[in-house]
Amino acid sequence: MVQERRKSYRFEWNASAFIYDCAGEWGCPCIIKDLSRGGAKIAGVIVHNVPDEFMLRISRARGSRKCHVLWRQGDKLGVGFIEHFASVDEPSTDRTRRAPARRAYA
């Protein structure tokens, strides 16, 4: 059996995000596949275009995190956060969804 080596529990996330370089000169959309206090798995990127260190905008509420690439495989990246989530041991799973708009019929 393979032993888990991660320091923090990961949550399946599957949310859109945005990667940009630290100078703000380059950026691209991505998908966060899973997320923990110390890092994330990111998909939907051309991995050789992503710098070794970059900013990851998770959401407006969470802001951005400075990241460094731990591994690259296919269209996925494993990243570590240079600054951990400061106030909690794990990210909040309280994500609310808006109800679809109702159509009025005459």
PDB file of N, CA and C in Angstrom:
ATOM      1  N   MET A   1       0.835  -1.177   0.000  1.00  0.00           N
ATOM      2  CA  MET A   1       0.000   0.000   0.000  1.00  0.00           C
ATOM      3  C   MET A   1       0.886   1.249   0.000  1.00  0.00           C
ATOM      4  N   VAL A   2       0.528   2.245  -0.826  1.00  0.00           N
ATOM      5  CA  VAL A   2       1.292   3.479  -0.931  1.00  0.00           C
ATOM      6  C   VAL A   2       0.972   4.377   0.257  1.00  0.00           C
ATOM      7  N   GLN A   3       2.015   4.901   0.886  1.00  0.00           N
ATOM      8  CA  GLN A   3       1.835   5.776   2.040  1.00  0.00           C
ATOM      9  C   GLN A   3       1.618   7.213   1.572  1.00  0.00           C
ATOM     10  N   GLU A   4       0.659   7.886   2.165  1.00  0.00           N
ATOM     11  CA  GLU A   4       0.374   9.289   1.847  1.00  0.00           C
ATOM     12  C   GLU A   4       1.511  10.163   2.376  1.00  0.00           C
ATOM     13  N   ARG A   5       2.085  11.008   1.500  1.00  0.00           N
ATOM     14  CA  ARG A   5       3.206  11.857   1.898  1.00  0.00           C
ATOM     15  C   ARG A   5       2.819  13.317   2.046  1.00  0.00           C
ATOM     16  N   ARG A   6       1.614  13.672   1.707  1.00  0.00           N
ATOM     17  CA  ARG A   6       1.201  15.068   1.792  1.00  0.00           C
ATOM     18  C   ARG A   6       1.099  15.518   3.243  1.00  0.00           C
ATOM     19  N   LYS A   7       1.433  16.794   3.470  1.00  0.00           N
ATOM     20  CA  LYS A   7       1.370  17.350   4.819  1.00  0.00           C
ATOM     21  C   LYS A   7      -0.039  17.805   5.174  1.00  0.00           C
ATOM     22  N   SER A   8      -0.833  18.171   4.178  1.00  0.00           N
ATOM     23  CA  SER A   8      -2.187  18.682   4.404  1.00  0.00           C
ATOM     24  C   SER A   8      -3.185  17.871   3.591  1.00  0.00           C
ATOM     25  N   TYR A   9      -4.380  17.709   4.127  1.00  0.00           N
ATOM     26  CA  TYR A   9      -5.448  17.009   3.422  1.00  0.00           C
ATOM     27  C   TYR A   9      -5.858  17.815   2.197  1.00  0.00           C
ATOM     28  N   ARG A  10      -6.097  17.139   1.078  1.00  0.00           N
ATOM     29  CA  ARG A  10      -6.528  17.810  -0.150  1.00  0.00           C
ATOM     30  C   ARG A  10      -8.011  17.611  -0.370  1.00  0.00           C
ATOM     31  N   PHE A  11      -8.650  18.675  -0.841  1.00  0.00           N
ATOM     32  CA  PHE A  11     -10.066  18.649  -1.185  1.00  0.00           C
ATOM     33  C   PHE A  11     -10.211  18.657  -2.698  1.00  0.00           C
ATOM     34  N   GLU A  12     -11.101  17.833  -3.230  1.00  0.00           N
ATOM     35  CA  GLU A  12     -11.424  17.919  -4.651  1.00  0.00           C
ATOM     36  C   GLU A  12     -12.091  19.266  -4.851  1.00  0.00           C
ATOM     37  N   TRP A  13     -11.648  20.027  -5.845  1.00  0.00           N
ATOM     38  CA  TRP A  13     -12.103  21.403  -5.975  1.00  0.00           C
ATOM     39  C   TRP A  13     -12.815  21.642  -7.296  1.00  0.00           C
ATOM     40  N   ASN A  14     -12.157  21.382  -8.433  1.00  0.00           N
ATOM     41  CA  ASN A  14     -12.730  21.562  -9.774  1.00  0.00           C
ATOM     42  C   ASN A  14     -13.353  22.934  -9.972  1.00  0.00           C
ATOM     43  N   ALA A  15     -12.528  23.962  -9.822  1.00  0.00           N
ATOM     44  CA  ALA A  15     -12.987  25.341  -9.991  1.00  0.00           C
ATOM     45  C   ALA A  15     -12.047  26.076 -10.940  1.00  0.00           C
ATOM     46  N   SER A  16     -12.593  27.030 -11.670  1.00  0.00           N
ATOM     47  CA  SER A  16     -11.755  27.821 -12.569  1.00  0.00           C
ATOM     48  C   SER A  16     -10.913  28.798 -11.754  1.00  0.00           C
ATOM     49  N   ALA A  17      -9.741  29.102 -12.283  1.00  0.00           N
ATOM     50  CA  ALA A  17      -8.808  30.017 -11.632  1.00  0.00           C
ATOM     51  C   ALA A  17      -7.989  30.692 -12.729  1.00  0.00           C
ATOM     52  N   PHE A  18      -7.004  31.474 -12.335  1.00  0.00           N
ATOM     53  CA  PHE A  18      -6.174  32.184 -13.304  1.00  0.00           C
ATOM     54  C   PHE A  18      -4.733  32.192 -12.810  1.00  0.00           C
ATOM     55  N   ILE A  19      -3.811  31.873 -13.719  1.00  0.00           N
ATOM     56  CA  ILE A  19      -2.374  31.904 -13.442  1.00  0.00           C
ATOM     57  C   ILE A  19      -1.802  33.150 -14.106  1.00  0.00           C
ATOM     58  N   TYR A  20      -0.929  33.874 -13.385  1.00  0.00           N
ATOM     59  CA  TYR A  20      -0.200  34.968 -14.028  1.00  0.00           C
ATOM     60  C   TYR A  20       1.199  35.048 -13.427  1.00  0.00           C
ATOM     61  N   ASP A  21       2.137  35.560 -14.228  1.00  0.00           N
ATOM     62  CA  ASP A  21       3.505  35.650 -13.723  1.00  0.00           C
ATOM     63  C   ASP A  21       3.595  36.767 -12.689  1.00  0.00           C
ATOM     64  N   CYS A  22       4.647  36.738 -11.907  1.00  0.00           N
ATOM     65  CA  CYS A  22       4.787  37.684 -10.795  1.00  0.00           C
ATOM     66  C   CYS A  22       4.910  39.129 -11.261  1.00  0.00           C
ATOM     67  N   ALA A  23       5.325  39.343 -12.513  1.00  0.00           N
ATOM     68  CA  ALA A  23       5.425  40.696 -13.061  1.00  0.00           C
ATOM     69  C   ALA A  23       4.108  41.163 -13.672  1.00  0.00           C
ATOM     70  N   GLY A  24       3.145  40.268 -13.815  1.00  0.00           N
ATOM     71  CA  GLY A  24       1.854  40.630 -14.394  1.00  0.00           C
ATOM     72  C   GLY A  24       1.875  40.775 -15.902  1.00  0.00           C
ATOM     73  N   GLU A  25       2.893  40.209 -16.573  1.00  0.00           N
ATOM     74  CA  GLU A  25       3.031  40.346 -18.022  1.00  0.00           C
ATOM     75  C   GLU A  25       2.409  39.193 -18.798  1.00  0.00           C
ATOM     76  N   TRP A  26       2.113  38.095 -18.140  1.00  0.00           N
ATOM     77  CA  TRP A  26       1.591  36.902 -18.804  1.00  0.00           C
ATOM     78  C   TRP A  26       0.536  36.268 -17.917  1.00  0.00           C
ATOM     79  N   GLY A  27      -0.477  35.666 -18.521  1.00  0.00           N
ATOM     80  CA  GLY A  27      -1.487  34.973 -17.731  1.00  0.00           C
ATOM     81  C   GLY A  27      -2.293  34.014 -18.585  1.00  0.00           C
ATOM     82  N   CYS A  28      -2.963  33.054 -17.919  1.00  0.00           N
ATOM     83  CA  CYS A  28      -3.829  32.118 -18.620  1.00  0.00           C
ATOM     84  C   CYS A  28      -4.832  31.512 -17.637  1.00  0.00           C
ATOM     85  N   PRO A  29      -6.014  31.150 -18.141  1.00  0.00           N
ATOM     86  CA  PRO A  29      -6.991  30.475 -17.273  1.00  0.00           C
ATOM     87  C   PRO A  29      -6.551  29.046 -16.996  1.00  0.00           C
ATOM     88  N   CYS A  30      -7.048  28.492 -15.904  1.00  0.00           N
ATOM     89  CA  CYS A  30      -6.734  27.112 -15.542  1.00  0.00           C
ATOM     90  C   CYS A  30      -7.873  26.553 -14.696  1.00  0.00           C
ATOM     91  N   ILE A  31      -7.746  25.294 -14.314  1.00  0.00           N
ATOM     92  CA  ILE A  31      -8.726  24.639 -13.447  1.00  0.00           C
ATOM     93  C   ILE A  31      -7.982  24.073 -12.251  1.00  0.00           C
ATOM     94  N   ILE A  32      -8.446  24.403 -11.055  1.00  0.00           N
ATOM     95  CA  ILE A  32      -7.890  23.802  -9.849  1.00  0.00           C
ATOM     96  C   ILE A  32      -8.618  22.487  -9.632  1.00  0.00           C
ATOM     97  N   LYS A  33      -7.897  21.384  -9.730  1.00  0.00           N
ATOM     98  CA  LYS A  33      -8.495  20.054  -9.566  1.00  0.00           C
ATOM     99  C   LYS A  33      -8.611  19.668  -8.098  1.00  0.00           C
ATOM    100  N   ASP A  34      -7.579  19.966  -7.319  1.00  0.00           N
ATOM    101  CA  ASP A  34      -7.678  19.768  -5.876  1.00  0.00           C
ATOM    102  C   ASP A  34      -6.849  20.833  -5.172  1.00  0.00           C
ATOM    103  N   LEU A  35      -7.144  21.016  -3.888  1.00  0.00           N
ATOM    104  CA  LEU A  35      -6.590  22.146  -3.150  1.00  0.00           C
ATOM    105  C   LEU A  35      -6.362  21.746  -1.702  1.00  0.00           C
ATOM    106  N   SER A  36      -5.255  22.209  -1.142  1.00  0.00           N
ATOM    107  CA  SER A  36      -4.977  21.994   0.278  1.00  0.00           C
ATOM    108  C   SER A  36      -4.399  23.280   0.849  1.00  0.00           C
ATOM    109  N   ARG A  37      -4.074  23.238   2.115  1.00  0.00           N
ATOM    110  CA  ARG A  37      -3.462  24.399   2.755  1.00  0.00           C
ATOM    111  C   ARG A  37      -2.107  24.715   2.126  1.00  0.00           C
ATOM    112  N   GLY A  38      -1.393  23.691   1.691  1.00  0.00           N
ATOM    113  CA  GLY A  38      -0.035  23.893   1.203  1.00  0.00           C
ATOM    114  C   GLY A  38       0.169  23.859  -0.292  1.00  0.00           C
ATOM    115  N   GLY A  39      -0.880  23.524  -1.086  1.00  0.00           N
ATOM    116  CA  GLY A  39      -0.676  23.447  -2.521  1.00  0.00           C
ATOM    117  C   GLY A  39      -1.919  23.050  -3.277  1.00  0.00           C
ATOM    118  N   ALA A  40      -1.732  22.761  -4.574  1.00  0.00           N
ATOM    119  CA  ALA A  40      -2.871  22.441  -5.433  1.00  0.00           C
ATOM    120  C   ALA A  40      -2.408  21.638  -6.635  1.00  0.00           C
ATOM    121  N   LYS A  41      -3.387  20.985  -7.275  1.00  0.00           N
ATOM    122  CA  LYS A  41      -3.163  20.371  -8.581  1.00  0.00           C
ATOM    123  C   LYS A  41      -3.937  21.220  -9.577  1.00  0.00           C
ATOM    124  N   ILE A  42      -3.255  21.665 -10.629  1.00  0.00           N
ATOM    125  CA  ILE A  42      -3.832  22.561 -11.624  1.00  0.00           C
ATOM    126  C   ILE A  42      -3.843  21.845 -12.962  1.00  0.00           C
ATOM    127  N   ALA A  43      -4.941  21.992 -13.705  1.00  0.00           N
ATOM    128  CA  ALA A  43      -5.074  21.350 -15.015  1.00  0.00           C
ATOM    129  C   ALA A  43      -5.477  22.387 -16.059  1.00  0.00           C
ATOM    130  N   GLY A  44      -5.414  21.950 -17.326  1.00  0.00           N
ATOM    131  CA  GLY A  44      -5.867  22.791 -18.424  1.00  0.00           C
ATOM    132  C   GLY A  44      -4.869  23.845 -18.851  1.00  0.00           C
ATOM    133  N   VAL A  45      -3.582  23.583 -18.652  1.00  0.00           N
ATOM    134  CA  VAL A  45      -2.548  24.552 -19.018  1.00  0.00           C
ATOM    135  C   VAL A  45      -1.510  23.885 -19.914  1.00  0.00           C
ATOM    136  N   ILE A  46      -0.788  24.695 -20.659  1.00  0.00           N
ATOM    137  CA  ILE A  46       0.375  24.215 -21.409  1.00  0.00           C
ATOM    138  C   ILE A  46       1.546  24.340 -20.445  1.00  0.00           C
ATOM    139  N   VAL A  47       1.951  23.219 -19.873  1.00  0.00           N
ATOM    140  CA  VAL A  47       2.855  23.253 -18.722  1.00  0.00           C
ATOM    141  C   VAL A  47       4.200  23.914 -19.007  1.00  0.00           C
ATOM    142  N   HIS A  48       4.710  23.804 -20.230  1.00  0.00           N
ATOM    143  CA  HIS A  48       6.013  24.422 -20.501  1.00  0.00           C
ATOM    144  C   HIS A  48       5.917  25.939 -20.634  1.00  0.00           C
ATOM    145  N   ASN A  49       4.695  26.502 -20.714  1.00  0.00           N
ATOM    146  CA  ASN A  49       4.527  27.954 -20.748  1.00  0.00           C
ATOM    147  C   ASN A  49       4.458  28.572 -19.353  1.00  0.00           C
ATOM    148  N   VAL A  50       4.249  27.754 -18.340  1.00  0.00           N
ATOM    149  CA  VAL A  50       4.070  28.261 -16.975  1.00  0.00           C
ATOM    150  C   VAL A  50       5.439  28.409 -16.312  1.00  0.00           C
ATOM    151  N   PRO A  51       5.751  29.601 -15.767  1.00  0.00           N
ATOM    152  CA  PRO A  51       7.046  29.785 -15.100  1.00  0.00           C
ATOM    153  C   PRO A  51       7.141  28.956 -13.816  1.00  0.00           C
ATOM    154  N   ASP A  52       8.356  28.775 -13.321  1.00  0.00           N
ATOM    155  CA  ASP A  52       8.571  27.990 -12.101  1.00  0.00           C
ATOM    156  C   ASP A  52       7.900  28.617 -10.878  1.00  0.00           C
ATOM    157  N   GLU A  53       7.811  29.939 -10.835  1.00  0.00           N
ATOM    158  CA  GLU A  53       7.074  30.646  -9.787  1.00  0.00           C
ATOM    159  C   GLU A  53       6.057  31.550 -10.454  1.00  0.00           C
ATOM    160  N   PHE A  54       4.854  31.589  -9.909  1.00  0.00           N
ATOM    161  CA  PHE A  54       3.778  32.389 -10.485  1.00  0.00           C
ATOM    162  C   PHE A  54       2.733  32.678  -9.419  1.00  0.00           C
ATOM    163  N   MET A  55       1.762  33.498  -9.779  1.00  0.00           N
ATOM    164  CA  MET A  55       0.637  33.811  -8.904  1.00  0.00           C
ATOM    165  C   MET A  55      -0.575  33.025  -9.388  1.00  0.00           C
ATOM    166  N   LEU A  56      -1.345  32.495  -8.461  1.00  0.00           N
ATOM    167  CA  LEU A  56      -2.567  31.755  -8.761  1.00  0.00           C
ATOM    168  C   LEU A  56      -3.727  32.501  -8.131  1.00  0.00           C
ATOM    169  N   ARG A  57      -4.613  33.020  -8.979  1.00  0.00           N
ATOM    170  CA  ARG A  57      -5.814  33.700  -8.471  1.00  0.00           C
ATOM    171  C   ARG A  57      -6.896  32.647  -8.332  1.00  0.00           C
ATOM    172  N   ILE A  58      -7.223  32.303  -7.099  1.00  0.00           N
ATOM    173  CA  ILE A  58      -8.172  31.234  -6.822  1.00  0.00           C
ATOM    174  C   ILE A  58      -9.598  31.740  -6.939  1.00  0.00           C
ATOM    175  N   SER A  59      -9.886  32.855  -6.320  1.00  0.00           N
ATOM    176  CA  SER A  59     -11.195  33.496  -6.405  1.00  0.00           C
ATOM    177  C   SER A  59     -11.055  34.884  -5.809  1.00  0.00           C
ATOM    178  N   ARG A  60     -12.063  35.700  -6.000  1.00  0.00           N
ATOM    179  CA  ARG A  60     -12.001  37.038  -5.412  1.00  0.00           C
ATOM    180  C   ARG A  60     -11.945  36.964  -3.895  1.00  0.00           C
ATOM    181  N   ALA A  61     -12.691  36.038  -3.313  1.00  0.00           N
ATOM    182  CA  ALA A  61     -12.726  35.914  -1.854  1.00  0.00           C
ATOM    183  C   ALA A  61     -11.390  35.420  -1.300  1.00  0.00           C
ATOM    184  N   ARG A  62     -10.752  34.509  -1.982  1.00  0.00           N
ATOM    185  CA  ARG A  62      -9.488  33.937  -1.507  1.00  0.00           C
ATOM    186  C   ARG A  62      -8.278  34.729  -1.975  1.00  0.00           C
ATOM    187  N   GLY A  63      -8.447  35.571  -2.993  1.00  0.00           N
ATOM    188  CA  GLY A  63      -7.323  36.334  -3.503  1.00  0.00           C
ATOM    189  C   GLY A  63      -6.346  35.463  -4.272  1.00  0.00           C
ATOM    190  N   SER A  64      -5.086  35.871  -4.285  1.00  0.00           N
ATOM    191  CA  SER A  64      -4.044  35.174  -5.036  1.00  0.00           C
ATOM    192  C   SER A  64      -3.029  34.559  -4.087  1.00  0.00           C
ATOM    193  N   ARG A  65      -2.394  33.506  -4.556  1.00  0.00           N
ATOM    194  CA  ARG A  65      -1.337  32.832  -3.805  1.00  0.00           C
ATOM    195  C   ARG A  65      -0.109  32.728  -4.695  1.00  0.00           C
ATOM    196  N   LYS A  66       1.059  33.016  -4.128  1.00  0.00           N
ATOM    197  CA  LYS A  66       2.308  32.811  -4.846  1.00  0.00           C
ATOM    198  C   LYS A  66       2.631  31.324  -4.779  1.00  0.00           C
ATOM    199  N   CYS A  67       2.971  30.735  -5.931  1.00  0.00           N
ATOM    200  CA  CYS A  67       3.187  29.287  -6.039  1.00  0.00           C
ATOM    201  C   CYS A  67       4.535  28.981  -6.668  1.00  0.00           C
ATOM    202  N   HIS A  68       5.020  27.779  -6.399  1.00  0.00           N
ATOM    203  CA  HIS A  68       6.165  27.244  -7.140  1.00  0.00           C
ATOM    204  C   HIS A  68       5.785  25.852  -7.642  1.00  0.00           C
ATOM    205  N   VAL A  69       6.251  25.535  -8.838  1.00  0.00           N
ATOM    206  CA  VAL A  69       5.912  24.263  -9.479  1.00  0.00           C
ATOM    207  C   VAL A  69       6.706  23.138  -8.818  1.00  0.00           C
ATOM    208  N   LEU A  70       5.994  22.083  -8.425  1.00  0.00           N
ATOM    209  CA  LEU A  70       6.622  20.887  -7.854  1.00  0.00           C
ATOM    210  C   LEU A  70       6.793  19.798  -8.903  1.00  0.00           C
ATOM    211  N   TRP A  71       5.806  19.686  -9.805  1.00  0.00           N
ATOM    212  CA  TRP A  71       5.882  18.699 -10.882  1.00  0.00           C
ATOM    213  C   TRP A  71       5.030  19.158 -12.064  1.00  0.00           C
ATOM    214  N   ARG A  72       5.361  18.629 -13.248  1.00  0.00           N
ATOM    215  CA  ARG A  72       4.637  18.902 -14.496  1.00  0.00           C
ATOM    216  C   ARG A  72       4.378  17.562 -15.169  1.00  0.00           C
ATOM    217  N   GLN A  73       3.123  17.342 -15.595  1.00  0.00           N
ATOM    218  CA  GLN A  73       2.790  16.081 -16.266  1.00  0.00           C
ATOM    219  C   GLN A  73       1.599  16.329 -17.180  1.00  0.00           C
ATOM    220  N   GLY A  74       1.783  16.094 -18.480  1.00  0.00           N
ATOM    221  CA  GLY A  74       0.698  16.321 -19.436  1.00  0.00           C
ATOM    222  C   GLY A  74       0.246  17.771 -19.397  1.00  0.00           C
ATOM    223  N   ASP A  75      -1.051  17.986 -19.109  1.00  0.00           N
ATOM    224  CA  ASP A  75      -1.568  19.354 -18.999  1.00  0.00           C
ATOM    225  C   ASP A  75      -1.794  19.743 -17.536  1.00  0.00           C
ATOM    226  N   LYS A  76      -1.102  19.057 -16.621  1.00  0.00           N
ATOM    227  CA  LYS A  76      -1.303  19.286 -15.184  1.00  0.00           C
ATOM    228  C   LYS A  76      -0.015  19.736 -14.500  1.00  0.00           C
ATOM    229  N   LEU A  77      -0.204  20.517 -13.439  1.00  0.00           N
ATOM    230  CA  LEU A  77       0.891  20.981 -12.590  1.00  0.00           C
ATOM    231  C   LEU A  77       0.578  20.646 -11.143  1.00  0.00           C
ATOM    232  N   GLY A  78       1.585  20.264 -10.401  1.00  0.00           N
ATOM    233  CA  GLY A  78       1.482  20.204  -8.951  1.00  0.00           C
ATOM    234  C   GLY A  78       2.227  21.406  -8.415  1.00  0.00           C
ATOM    235  N   VAL A  79       1.589  22.193  -7.570  1.00  0.00           N
ATOM    236  CA  VAL A  79       2.220  23.407  -7.063  1.00  0.00           C
ATOM    237  C   VAL A  79       2.178  23.439  -5.545  1.00  0.00           C
ATOM    238  N   GLY A  80       3.171  24.089  -4.980  1.00  0.00           N
ATOM    239  CA  GLY A  80       3.198  24.368  -3.551  1.00  0.00           C
ATOM    240  C   GLY A  80       2.991  25.851  -3.358  1.00  0.00           C
ATOM    241  N   PHE A  81       2.231  26.204  -2.333  1.00  0.00           N
ATOM    242  CA  PHE A  81       2.044  27.619  -2.021  1.00  0.00           C
ATOM    243  C   PHE A  81       3.258  28.105  -1.242  1.00  0.00           C
ATOM    244  N   ILE A  82       3.808  29.216  -1.667  1.00  0.00           N
ATOM    245  CA  ILE A  82       4.934  29.809  -0.955  1.00  0.00           C
ATOM    246  C   ILE A  82       4.436  30.400   0.362  1.00  0.00           C
ATOM    247  N   GLU A  83       3.213  30.892   0.353  1.00  0.00           N
ATOM    248  CA  GLU A  83       2.558  31.366   1.575  1.00  0.00           C
ATOM    249  C   GLU A  83       1.339  30.484   1.783  1.00  0.00           C
ATOM    250  N   HIS A  84       1.252  29.790   2.916  1.00  0.00           N
ATOM    251  CA  HIS A  84       0.126  28.901   3.210  1.00  0.00           C
ATOM    252  C   HIS A  84      -1.116  29.710   3.547  1.00  0.00           C
ATOM    253  N   PHE A  85      -2.289  29.038   3.521  1.00  0.00           N
ATOM    254  CA  PHE A  85      -3.497  29.662   4.031  1.00  0.00           C
ATOM    255  C   PHE A  85      -3.212  30.020   5.481  1.00  0.00           C
ATOM    256  N   ALA A  86      -3.345  31.272   5.830  1.00  0.00           N
ATOM    257  CA  ALA A  86      -2.877  31.746   7.128  1.00  0.00           C
ATOM    258  C   ALA A  86      -3.792  31.401   8.292  1.00  0.00           C
ATOM    259  N   SER A  87      -5.099  31.445   8.100  1.00  0.00           N
ATOM    260  CA  SER A  87      -5.984  31.396   9.255  1.00  0.00           C
ATOM    261  C   SER A  87      -6.665  30.058   9.488  1.00  0.00           C
ATOM    262  N   VAL A  88      -6.563  29.130   8.562  1.00  0.00           N
ATOM    263  CA  VAL A  88      -7.247  27.855   8.731  1.00  0.00           C
ATOM    264  C   VAL A  88      -6.330  26.711   8.334  1.00  0.00           C
ATOM    265  N   ASP A  89      -6.642  25.524   8.822  1.00  0.00           N
ATOM    266  CA  ASP A  89      -5.855  24.349   8.464  1.00  0.00           C
ATOM    267  C   ASP A  89      -6.189  23.838   7.079  1.00  0.00           C
ATOM    268  N   GLU A  90      -7.361  24.156   6.597  1.00  0.00           N
ATOM    269  CA  GLU A  90      -7.780  23.680   5.292  1.00  0.00           C
ATOM    270  C   GLU A  90      -8.713  24.699   4.661  1.00  0.00           C
ATOM    271  N   PRO A  91      -8.805  24.735   3.332  1.00  0.00           N
ATOM    272  CA  PRO A  91      -9.669  25.710   2.678  1.00  0.00           C
ATOM    273  C   PRO A  91     -11.134  25.440   2.989  1.00  0.00           C
ATOM    274  N   SER A  92     -11.912  26.486   2.958  1.00  0.00           N
ATOM    275  CA  SER A  92     -13.347  26.355   3.209  1.00  0.00           C
ATOM    276  C   SER A  92     -14.005  25.581   2.081  1.00  0.00           C
ATOM    277  N   THR A  93     -14.954  24.731   2.431  1.00  0.00           N
ATOM    278  CA  THR A  93     -15.711  24.013   1.411  1.00  0.00           C
ATOM    279  C   THR A  93     -17.087  24.627   1.246  1.00  0.00           C
ATOM    280  N   ASP A  94     -17.304  25.784   1.848  1.00  0.00           N
ATOM    281  CA  ASP A  94     -18.588  26.463   1.782  1.00  0.00           C
ATOM    282  C   ASP A  94     -18.647  27.286   0.504  1.00  0.00           C
ATOM    283  N   ARG A  95     -18.969  26.631  -0.592  1.00  0.00           N
ATOM    284  CA  ARG A  95     -19.091  27.320  -1.873  1.00  0.00           C
ATOM    285  C   ARG A  95     -20.556  27.294  -2.262  1.00  0.00           C
ATOM    286  N   THR A  96     -21.162  28.450  -2.325  1.00  0.00           N
ATOM    287  CA  THR A  96     -22.580  28.511  -2.657  1.00  0.00           C
ATOM    288  C   THR A  96     -22.751  28.712  -4.149  1.00  0.00           C
ATOM    289  N   ARG A  97     -23.850  28.208  -4.661  1.00  0.00           N
ATOM    290  CA  ARG A  97     -24.165  28.365  -6.082  1.00  0.00           C
ATOM    291  C   ARG A  97     -25.441  29.169  -6.209  1.00  0.00           C
ATOM    292  N   ARG A  98     -25.475  29.986  -7.213  1.00  0.00           N
ATOM    293  CA  ARG A  98     -26.678  30.757  -7.477  1.00  0.00           C
ATOM    294  C   ARG A  98     -27.684  29.872  -8.187  1.00  0.00           C
ATOM    295  N   ALA A  99     -28.925  30.054  -7.835  1.00  0.00           N
ATOM    296  CA  ALA A  99     -29.992  29.309  -8.510  1.00  0.00           C
ATOM    297  C   ALA A  99     -30.145  29.859  -9.917  1.00  0.00           C
ATOM    298  N   PRO A 100     -30.483  29.010 -10.893  1.00  0.00           N
ATOM    299  CA  PRO A 100     -30.677  29.505 -12.253  1.00  0.00           C
ATOM    300  C   PRO A 100     -31.855  30.470 -12.303  1.00  0.00           C
ATOM    301  N   ALA A 101     -31.736  31.440 -13.183  1.00  0.00           N
ATOM    302  CA  ALA A 101     -32.809  32.428 -13.328  1.00  0.00           C
ATOM    303  C   ALA A 101     -34.063  31.747 -13.867  1.00  0.00           C
ATOM    304  N   ARG A 102     -35.204  32.173 -13.359  1.00  0.00           N
ATOM    305  CA  ARG A 102     -36.469  31.612 -13.834  1.00  0.00           C
ATOM    306  C   ARG A 102     -36.994  32.467 -14.971  1.00  0.00           C
ATOM    307  N   ARG A 103     -37.565  31.803 -15.947  1.00  0.00           N
ATOM    308  CA  ARG A 103     -38.128  32.518 -17.090  1.00  0.00           C
ATOM    309  C   ARG A 103     -39.585  32.827 -16.808  1.00  0.00           C
ATOM    310  N   ALA A 104     -39.967  34.016 -17.154  1.00  0.00           N
ATOM    311  CA  ALA A 104     -41.375  34.404 -17.003  1.00  0.00           C
ATOM    312  C   ALA A 104     -42.084  34.095 -18.318  1.00  0.00           C
ATOM    313  N   TYR A 105     -43.180  33.381 -18.226  1.00  0.00           N
ATOM    314  CA  TYR A 105     -43.959  33.045 -19.412  1.00  0.00           C
ATOM    315  C   TYR A 105     -45.237  33.868 -19.405  1.00  0.00           C
ATOM    316  N   ALA A 106     -45.562  34.411 -20.559  1.00  0.00           N
ATOM    317  CA  ALA A 106     -46.767  35.244 -20.659  1.00  0.00           C
ATOM    318  C   ALA A 106     -47.988  34.418 -20.965  1.00  0.00           C
TER     319      ALA A 106
END
